[in-house]
Amino acid sequence: MVLFLFILGIILLVVGAEMLVRGASKLALVAGISPLIIGLTVVAFGTSAPELAVSIMAGLAGQADMALGNVVGSNIFNVLFILGISAVVAPLVVCQQLVRLDVPLMIAVSILLLVMGSDGRVSNIEGAFLFLLLIAYTIFLFTQSKQKNKKIQAECPMPAGEKQTIPLRAWLANILLILSGLVLLVLGSQWMIDGARAIALLLGISELVIGLTIVAAGTSLPELATSVIASLRGERDIAVGNIVGSNIFNILAVLGLSSIVSPEGITVHAAAWNFDIPLMIVVAIACLPIFFTGHIIARWEGFLFLGYYAAYTLYLILASAQHDALPFFSNAMLIFAMPLTALTLVIVTFREFRRSTN
């Protein structure tokens, strides 16, 4: 029964992701909104529904640790694993808007979370401020998209009589497709989480490791399925925009609303403030040079992200078990792997910059 639930969850995820991407791309065409904006908003916010549900329920139940860990863990998973595997499936072309606006915003709100958590808590007022930022960001995106479309239409006006009217049936069909996809994604992710948790317990894996890995990764399964399917279908703006938009949504909406509904706000423990949140910031910053190099996320960069997520997961397992190999592993990552990666990215970025200026 457990295995059946796990497999059924995977099937629902794939079908739901296919419906969501197809509906979102068609809606973008019908509404005259770029696929990137749809990916950053409709798709990103929709696929973050599991994180929103889990964190709000945790906030109401007074389980602030789960609410914070879910957001931070999901953001790390989104970039390192989902963006990594999407780039491995097909190299991703990155829109300039992501480099100039959305990725810097993702970095900024990640740093803002670190600042807010410096006193050990994200208060109700701070949560409300985060949510207001999301509303302003969403309004800005749609306003900007509409202005660009008006400019294009002014430069290339359609001849009289050729202006197309979109039937209401087309709008309703695409919206229904998106909503159906979201329902399947939420159901599929929940069933897969339940199945994976039961399997992990049967194998004797500790509750701590399950919470740090399966819950965070499990609530990000809709993003995983959506981005991979979008990458396979060639909807690469949706694939990348989904990840960046989801990370922004997770901090501004998921954590913001969780802080509002939680009676005493969200507690930020020293361990999360000293390690997990800074790591989330580093991962967000790592996107800039990778996105900057030719505006393409190459396969080797995807493998690099996947390698670091594997290292992060191994670190969590070693730390939870207090294994003797933890100091050696930590030193190896800090002294060799991370500096070598940083040097490689700097060299590649410098070469791309010189090539673009020549």
Protein backbone atom coordinates (compact mmCIF):
# COMPACT_ATOMS: atom_id res chain seq x y z
CA MET A 1 0.00 0.00 0.00
CA VAL A 2 2.85 2.37 0.87
CA LEU A 3 4.65 1.66 -2.41
CA PHE A 4 1.39 2.08 -4.36
CA LEU A 5 0.82 5.48 -2.74
CA PHE A 6 4.38 6.52 -3.60
CA ILE A 7 4.05 5.49 -7.28
CA LEU A 8 0.59 7.05 -7.61
CA GLY A 9 2.01 10.29 -6.23
CA ILE A 10 4.71 10.31 -8.92
CA ILE A 11 2.11 9.71 -11.66
CA LEU A 12 -0.09 12.55 -10.42
CA LEU A 13 2.93 14.87 -10.26
CA VAL A 14 3.90 14.20 -13.87
CA VAL A 15 0.34 14.55 -15.20
CA GLY A 16 -0.31 17.64 -13.09
CA ALA A 17 2.92 19.29 -14.18
CA GLU A 18 2.13 18.62 -17.85
CA MET A 19 -1.33 20.18 -17.45
CA LEU A 20 0.02 23.18 -15.55
CA VAL A 21 2.78 23.97 -18.05
CA ARG A 22 0.46 23.54 -21.05
CA GLY A 23 -2.26 25.69 -19.49
CA ALA A 24 0.18 28.36 -18.31
CA SER A 25 1.94 28.68 -21.68
CA LYS A 26 -1.40 28.93 -23.52
CA LEU A 27 -2.71 31.44 -20.98
CA ALA A 28 0.38 33.58 -21.55
CA LEU A 29 -0.30 33.57 -25.30
CA VAL A 30 -4.00 34.33 -24.89
CA ALA A 31 -3.47 37.10 -22.31
CA GLY A 32 -0.51 38.64 -24.13
CA ILE A 33 1.74 38.10 -21.10
CA SER A 34 5.25 36.72 -21.51
CA PRO A 35 5.87 33.09 -20.45
CA LEU A 36 8.54 34.37 -18.04
CA ILE A 37 5.97 36.46 -16.11
CA ILE A 38 3.59 33.49 -16.02
CA GLY A 39 6.44 31.31 -14.74
CA LEU A 40 7.38 33.86 -12.08
CA THR A 41 3.81 34.27 -10.84
CA VAL A 42 1.02 31.83 -11.76
CA VAL A 43 3.22 28.73 -12.06
CA ALA A 44 5.64 29.64 -9.27
CA PHE A 45 2.93 30.58 -6.78
CA GLY A 46 0.83 27.57 -7.69
CA THR A 47 3.62 25.03 -7.34
CA SER A 48 4.48 26.55 -3.94
CA ALA A 49 1.03 25.58 -2.64
CA PRO A 50 2.41 22.58 -0.67
CA GLU A 51 4.99 24.80 1.09
CA LEU A 52 2.24 27.32 1.86
CA ALA A 53 -0.12 24.69 3.28
CA VAL A 54 2.56 22.94 5.35
CA SER A 55 4.05 26.15 6.77
CA ILE A 56 0.72 27.79 7.63
CA MET A 57 -0.49 24.62 9.35
CA ALA A 58 2.82 24.43 11.20
CA GLY A 59 2.52 28.10 12.21
CA LEU A 60 -1.02 27.61 13.52
CA ALA A 61 0.11 24.52 15.44
CA GLY A 62 3.03 26.41 16.97
CA GLN A 63 5.60 24.32 15.06
CA ALA A 64 7.70 27.27 13.94
CA ASP A 65 10.78 25.11 13.30
CA MET A 66 8.97 23.17 10.59
CA ALA A 67 7.64 26.34 8.97
CA LEU A 68 11.09 27.94 8.75
CA GLY A 69 12.90 24.72 7.82
CA ASN A 70 10.37 24.00 5.09
CA VAL A 71 10.98 27.38 3.43
CA VAL A 72 14.77 27.43 3.74
CA GLY A 73 15.17 23.76 2.79
CA SER A 74 12.82 24.12 -0.18
CA ASN A 75 14.70 27.16 -1.51
CA ILE A 76 18.01 25.30 -1.36
CA PHE A 77 16.43 22.27 -3.04
CA ASN A 78 14.81 24.43 -5.73
CA VAL A 79 18.08 25.94 -6.95
CA LEU A 80 20.59 23.14 -6.42
CA PHE A 81 18.47 20.12 -7.34
CA ILE A 82 15.59 21.30 -9.52
CA LEU A 83 17.48 23.93 -11.52
CA GLY A 84 20.39 21.51 -11.73
CA ILE A 85 18.38 18.59 -13.07
CA SER A 86 16.42 20.87 -15.45
CA ALA A 87 19.70 22.12 -16.94
CA VAL A 88 20.95 18.54 -17.28
CA VAL A 89 17.78 17.61 -19.19
CA ALA A 90 18.24 20.59 -21.56
CA PRO A 91 20.54 23.64 -21.27
CA LEU A 92 18.39 26.55 -20.11
CA VAL A 93 18.37 29.98 -21.74
CA VAL A 94 18.07 32.70 -19.10
CA CYS A 95 16.10 35.89 -19.79
CA GLN A 96 17.91 39.16 -19.07
CA GLN A 97 15.12 40.22 -16.70
CA LEU A 98 16.06 37.38 -14.35
CA VAL A 99 19.66 38.61 -14.18
CA ARG A 100 18.72 42.27 -13.76
CA LEU A 101 15.68 42.04 -11.48
CA ASP A 102 14.38 38.73 -10.21
CA VAL A 103 17.57 36.95 -9.11
CA PRO A 104 18.85 40.11 -7.33
CA LEU A 105 15.43 40.30 -5.65
CA MET A 106 15.71 36.64 -4.61
CA ILE A 107 19.13 37.43 -3.08
CA ALA A 108 17.78 40.58 -1.39
CA VAL A 109 14.79 38.89 0.29
CA SER A 110 17.06 36.02 1.42
CA ILE A 111 19.38 38.55 3.08
CA LEU A 112 16.32 40.34 4.51
CA LEU A 113 15.27 37.07 6.17
CA LEU A 114 18.71 36.77 7.77
CA VAL A 115 18.44 40.35 9.08
CA MET A 116 14.92 39.80 10.42
CA GLY A 117 16.01 36.58 12.13
CA SER A 118 19.00 38.20 13.86
CA ASP A 119 16.90 38.66 17.02
CA GLY A 120 15.78 35.02 16.93
CA ARG A 121 12.31 35.65 15.54
CA VAL A 122 10.34 36.81 12.49
CA SER A 123 7.54 38.77 14.15
CA ASN A 124 3.92 39.19 13.02
CA ILE A 125 4.65 42.73 11.80
CA GLU A 126 7.73 41.57 9.87
CA GLY A 127 5.63 38.78 8.33
CA ALA A 128 3.03 41.33 7.20
CA PHE A 129 5.81 43.45 5.67
CA LEU A 130 7.09 40.42 3.72
CA PHE A 131 3.61 39.71 2.36
CA LEU A 132 3.12 43.34 1.30
CA LEU A 133 6.40 43.11 -0.62
CA LEU A 134 5.00 40.12 -2.53
CA ILE A 135 1.87 42.06 -3.51
CA ALA A 136 3.99 44.98 -4.74
CA TYR A 137 6.29 42.61 -6.68
CA THR A 138 3.37 40.86 -8.39
CA ILE A 139 1.69 44.14 -9.40
CA PHE A 140 5.01 45.41 -10.78
CA LEU A 141 5.55 42.27 -12.90
CA PHE A 142 2.13 42.38 -14.56
CA THR A 143 2.28 46.17 -15.07
CA GLN A 144 5.71 45.87 -16.66
CA SER A 145 4.55 43.06 -18.95
CA LYS A 146 1.50 45.04 -20.10
CA GLN A 147 3.64 48.12 -20.81
CA LYS A 148 6.04 46.08 -22.94
CA ASN A 149 3.14 44.60 -24.93
CA LYS A 150 1.66 48.08 -25.56
CA LYS A 151 5.05 49.31 -26.78
CA ILE A 152 5.35 46.37 -29.20
CA GLN A 153 1.80 46.94 -30.49
CA ALA A 154 2.53 50.66 -30.98
CA GLU A 155 5.66 49.88 -33.01
CA CYS A 156 3.98 47.13 -35.05
CA PRO A 157 0.24 47.96 -35.21
CA MET A 158 -2.10 45.39 -36.71
CA PRO A 159 -4.02 46.41 -39.84
CA ALA A 160 -7.65 47.39 -39.33
CA GLY A 161 -9.93 44.41 -39.13
CA GLU A 162 -7.19 41.97 -38.13
CA LYS A 163 -7.43 42.50 -34.37
CA GLN A 164 -8.32 39.18 -32.81
CA THR A 165 -10.78 38.78 -29.97
CA ILE A 166 -10.14 35.90 -27.62
CA PRO A 167 -13.30 33.90 -26.84
CA LEU A 168 -14.25 33.43 -23.20
CA ARG A 169 -14.13 29.67 -23.76
CA ALA A 170 -10.37 29.83 -24.43
CA TRP A 171 -9.77 31.73 -21.19
CA LEU A 172 -11.88 29.32 -19.14
CA ALA A 173 -10.29 26.24 -20.73
CA ASN A 174 -6.74 27.38 -19.93
CA ILE A 175 -7.63 28.47 -16.39
CA LEU A 176 -9.35 25.12 -15.80
CA LEU A 177 -6.27 23.32 -17.13
CA ILE A 178 -4.02 25.25 -14.72
CA LEU A 179 -6.32 24.65 -11.73
CA SER A 180 -6.62 20.94 -12.53
CA GLY A 181 -2.85 20.69 -12.83
CA LEU A 182 -2.38 22.42 -9.47
CA VAL A 183 -4.85 20.07 -7.76
CA LEU A 184 -3.02 17.02 -9.13
CA LEU A 185 0.35 18.49 -8.13
CA VAL A 186 -0.73 19.09 -4.54
CA LEU A 187 -2.36 15.66 -4.23
CA GLY A 188 0.57 13.91 -5.90
CA SER A 189 3.17 15.65 -3.74
CA GLN A 190 1.24 14.89 -0.54
CA TRP A 191 0.80 11.21 -1.40
CA MET A 192 4.42 10.90 -2.41
CA ILE A 193 5.56 12.58 0.85
CA ASP A 194 3.40 10.18 2.88
CA GLY A 195 4.72 7.20 0.95
CA ALA A 196 8.34 8.32 1.17
CA ARG A 197 8.03 9.01 4.91
CA ALA A 198 6.58 5.54 5.53
CA ILE A 199 9.30 3.89 3.42
CA ALA A 200 12.01 5.87 5.23
CA LEU A 201 10.65 4.82 8.62
CA LEU A 202 10.57 1.20 7.49
CA LEU A 203 14.25 1.50 6.55
CA GLY A 204 15.07 2.91 9.98
CA ILE A 205 16.05 6.45 8.92
CA SER A 206 15.79 8.98 11.77
CA GLU A 207 12.90 11.46 12.01
CA LEU A 208 15.38 14.36 11.92
CA VAL A 209 16.85 13.32 8.59
CA ILE A 210 13.34 12.75 7.21
CA GLY A 211 12.32 16.26 8.27
CA LEU A 212 15.43 17.90 6.85
CA THR A 213 15.27 16.12 3.52
CA ILE A 214 11.92 14.50 2.63
CA VAL A 215 9.63 17.27 3.92
CA ALA A 216 11.62 20.10 2.30
CA ALA A 217 12.23 18.17 -0.91
CA GLY A 218 8.72 16.69 -0.91
CA THR A 219 6.95 20.04 -0.81
CA SER A 220 9.17 21.11 -3.74
CA LEU A 221 8.12 18.16 -5.90
CA PRO A 222 5.60 20.27 -7.86
CA GLU A 223 8.41 22.68 -8.79
CA LEU A 224 10.58 19.70 -9.76
CA ALA A 225 7.94 18.10 -11.97
CA THR A 226 6.88 21.42 -13.52
CA SER A 227 10.40 22.64 -14.33
CA VAL A 228 11.55 19.32 -15.80
CA ILE A 229 8.40 19.00 -17.93
CA ALA A 230 8.71 22.65 -19.01
CA SER A 231 12.36 22.05 -19.93
CA LEU A 232 11.44 18.98 -22.00
CA ARG A 233 8.66 20.90 -23.75
CA GLY A 234 10.99 23.80 -24.57
CA GLU A 235 9.15 26.22 -22.23
CA ARG A 236 12.47 27.25 -20.66
CA ASP A 237 11.28 30.66 -19.44
CA ILE A 238 8.68 28.83 -17.35
CA ALA A 239 11.27 26.28 -16.15
CA VAL A 240 13.67 28.92 -14.81
CA GLY A 241 11.05 31.50 -13.82
CA ASN A 242 9.25 28.83 -11.79
CA ILE A 243 12.31 28.28 -9.57
CA VAL A 244 13.19 31.94 -9.04
CA GLY A 245 9.55 32.92 -8.52
CA SER A 246 8.96 30.04 -6.10
CA ASN A 247 11.93 31.05 -3.95
CA ILE A 248 10.70 34.64 -3.78
CA PHE A 249 7.17 33.41 -3.01
CA ASN A 250 8.42 31.04 -0.31
CA ILE A 251 10.05 33.84 1.67
CA LEU A 252 7.56 36.65 1.05
CA ALA A 253 4.28 34.71 1.11
CA VAL A 254 4.85 31.34 2.78
CA LEU A 255 7.06 32.62 5.60
CA GLY A 256 5.23 35.95 5.70
CA LEU A 257 1.78 34.40 6.16
CA SER A 258 3.16 31.78 8.58
CA SER A 259 4.60 34.58 10.71
CA ILE A 260 1.26 36.40 10.66
CA VAL A 261 -0.86 33.41 11.73
CA SER A 262 1.61 32.13 14.32
CA PRO A 263 0.76 33.69 17.70
CA GLU A 264 4.36 34.62 18.49
CA GLY A 265 5.77 34.78 14.97
CA ILE A 266 8.34 32.33 13.60
CA THR A 267 11.26 31.37 15.82
CA VAL A 268 14.67 31.43 14.12
CA HIS A 269 17.03 29.11 15.99
CA ALA A 270 20.77 29.77 16.10
CA ALA A 271 21.52 26.68 13.98
CA ALA A 272 19.29 27.92 11.15
CA TRP A 273 20.61 31.50 11.41
CA ASN A 274 24.26 30.41 11.48
CA PHE A 275 24.18 27.75 8.74
CA ASP A 276 20.99 27.07 6.75
CA ILE A 277 19.89 30.65 6.00
CA PRO A 278 23.44 31.77 5.03
CA LEU A 279 23.67 28.69 2.78
CA MET A 280 20.38 29.68 1.15
CA ILE A 281 21.86 33.14 0.50
CA VAL A 282 25.08 31.67 -0.96
CA VAL A 283 23.05 29.40 -3.25
CA ALA A 284 21.00 32.40 -4.44
CA ILE A 285 24.15 34.46 -5.06
CA ALA A 286 25.68 31.54 -6.99
CA CYS A 287 22.93 31.93 -9.58
CA LEU A 288 24.19 35.35 -10.72
CA PRO A 289 27.53 34.35 -12.28
CA ILE A 290 26.00 31.16 -13.71
CA PHE A 291 23.07 33.08 -15.22
CA PHE A 292 25.42 35.81 -16.43
CA THR A 293 27.71 33.54 -18.48
CA GLY A 294 26.07 33.79 -21.87
CA HIS A 295 22.58 33.75 -20.29
CA ILE A 296 22.66 29.96 -20.53
CA ILE A 297 22.69 27.39 -17.73
CA ALA A 298 24.89 24.72 -19.28
CA ARG A 299 24.73 21.01 -18.47
CA TRP A 300 28.03 21.12 -16.57
CA GLU A 301 26.59 23.87 -14.37
CA GLY A 302 23.53 21.69 -13.78
CA PHE A 303 25.75 18.80 -12.70
CA LEU A 304 27.64 21.21 -10.42
CA PHE A 305 24.41 22.20 -8.66
CA LEU A 306 23.38 18.55 -8.30
CA GLY A 307 26.77 17.71 -6.81
CA TYR A 308 26.44 20.43 -4.20
CA TYR A 309 22.94 19.30 -3.26
CA ALA A 310 24.25 15.78 -2.76
CA ALA A 311 27.02 17.23 -0.55
CA TYR A 312 24.47 19.26 1.44
CA THR A 313 22.28 16.20 1.99
CA LEU A 314 25.30 14.17 3.09
CA TYR A 315 26.22 16.95 5.51
CA LEU A 316 22.71 16.85 7.04
CA ILE A 317 22.92 13.08 7.47
CA LEU A 318 26.40 13.22 9.03
CA ALA A 319 25.39 16.11 11.30
CA SER A 320 22.22 14.39 12.51
CA ALA A 321 24.16 11.21 13.29
CA GLN A 322 27.11 13.14 14.78
CA HIS A 323 29.36 10.99 12.60
CA ASP A 324 33.14 11.09 13.07
CA ALA A 325 33.59 11.96 9.37
CA LEU A 326 31.68 15.26 9.74
CA PRO A 327 34.72 17.50 10.54
CA PHE A 328 36.74 16.03 7.64
CA PHE A 329 33.81 16.44 5.22
CA SER A 330 33.12 20.02 6.33
CA ASN A 331 36.78 21.01 5.98
CA ALA A 332 37.01 19.39 2.54
CA MET A 333 34.01 21.41 1.34
CA LEU A 334 35.20 24.71 2.88
CA ILE A 335 38.88 24.45 1.94
CA PHE A 336 38.80 22.70 -1.46
CA ALA A 337 35.44 22.23 -3.20
CA MET A 338 33.74 25.60 -2.66
CA PRO A 339 36.81 27.80 -3.35
CA LEU A 340 37.58 25.77 -6.48
CA THR A 341 34.03 26.23 -7.72
CA ALA A 342 34.11 29.95 -6.96
CA LEU A 343 37.41 30.31 -8.87
CA THR A 344 35.98 28.41 -11.85
CA LEU A 345 32.87 30.63 -11.96
CA VAL A 346 34.99 33.80 -11.72
CA ILE A 347 37.21 32.66 -14.63
CA VAL A 348 34.22 31.67 -16.79
CA THR A 349 32.43 34.94 -16.00
CA PHE A 350 35.55 36.97 -16.83
CA ARG A 351 35.98 35.14 -20.16
CA GLU A 352 32.33 35.74 -21.08
CA PHE A 353 32.64 39.40 -20.13
CA ARG A 354 35.73 39.84 -22.32
CA ARG A 355 34.03 38.02 -25.19
CA SER A 356 30.95 40.27 -24.95
CA THR A 357 33.04 43.47 -24.92
CA ASN A 358 35.21 42.49 -27.93
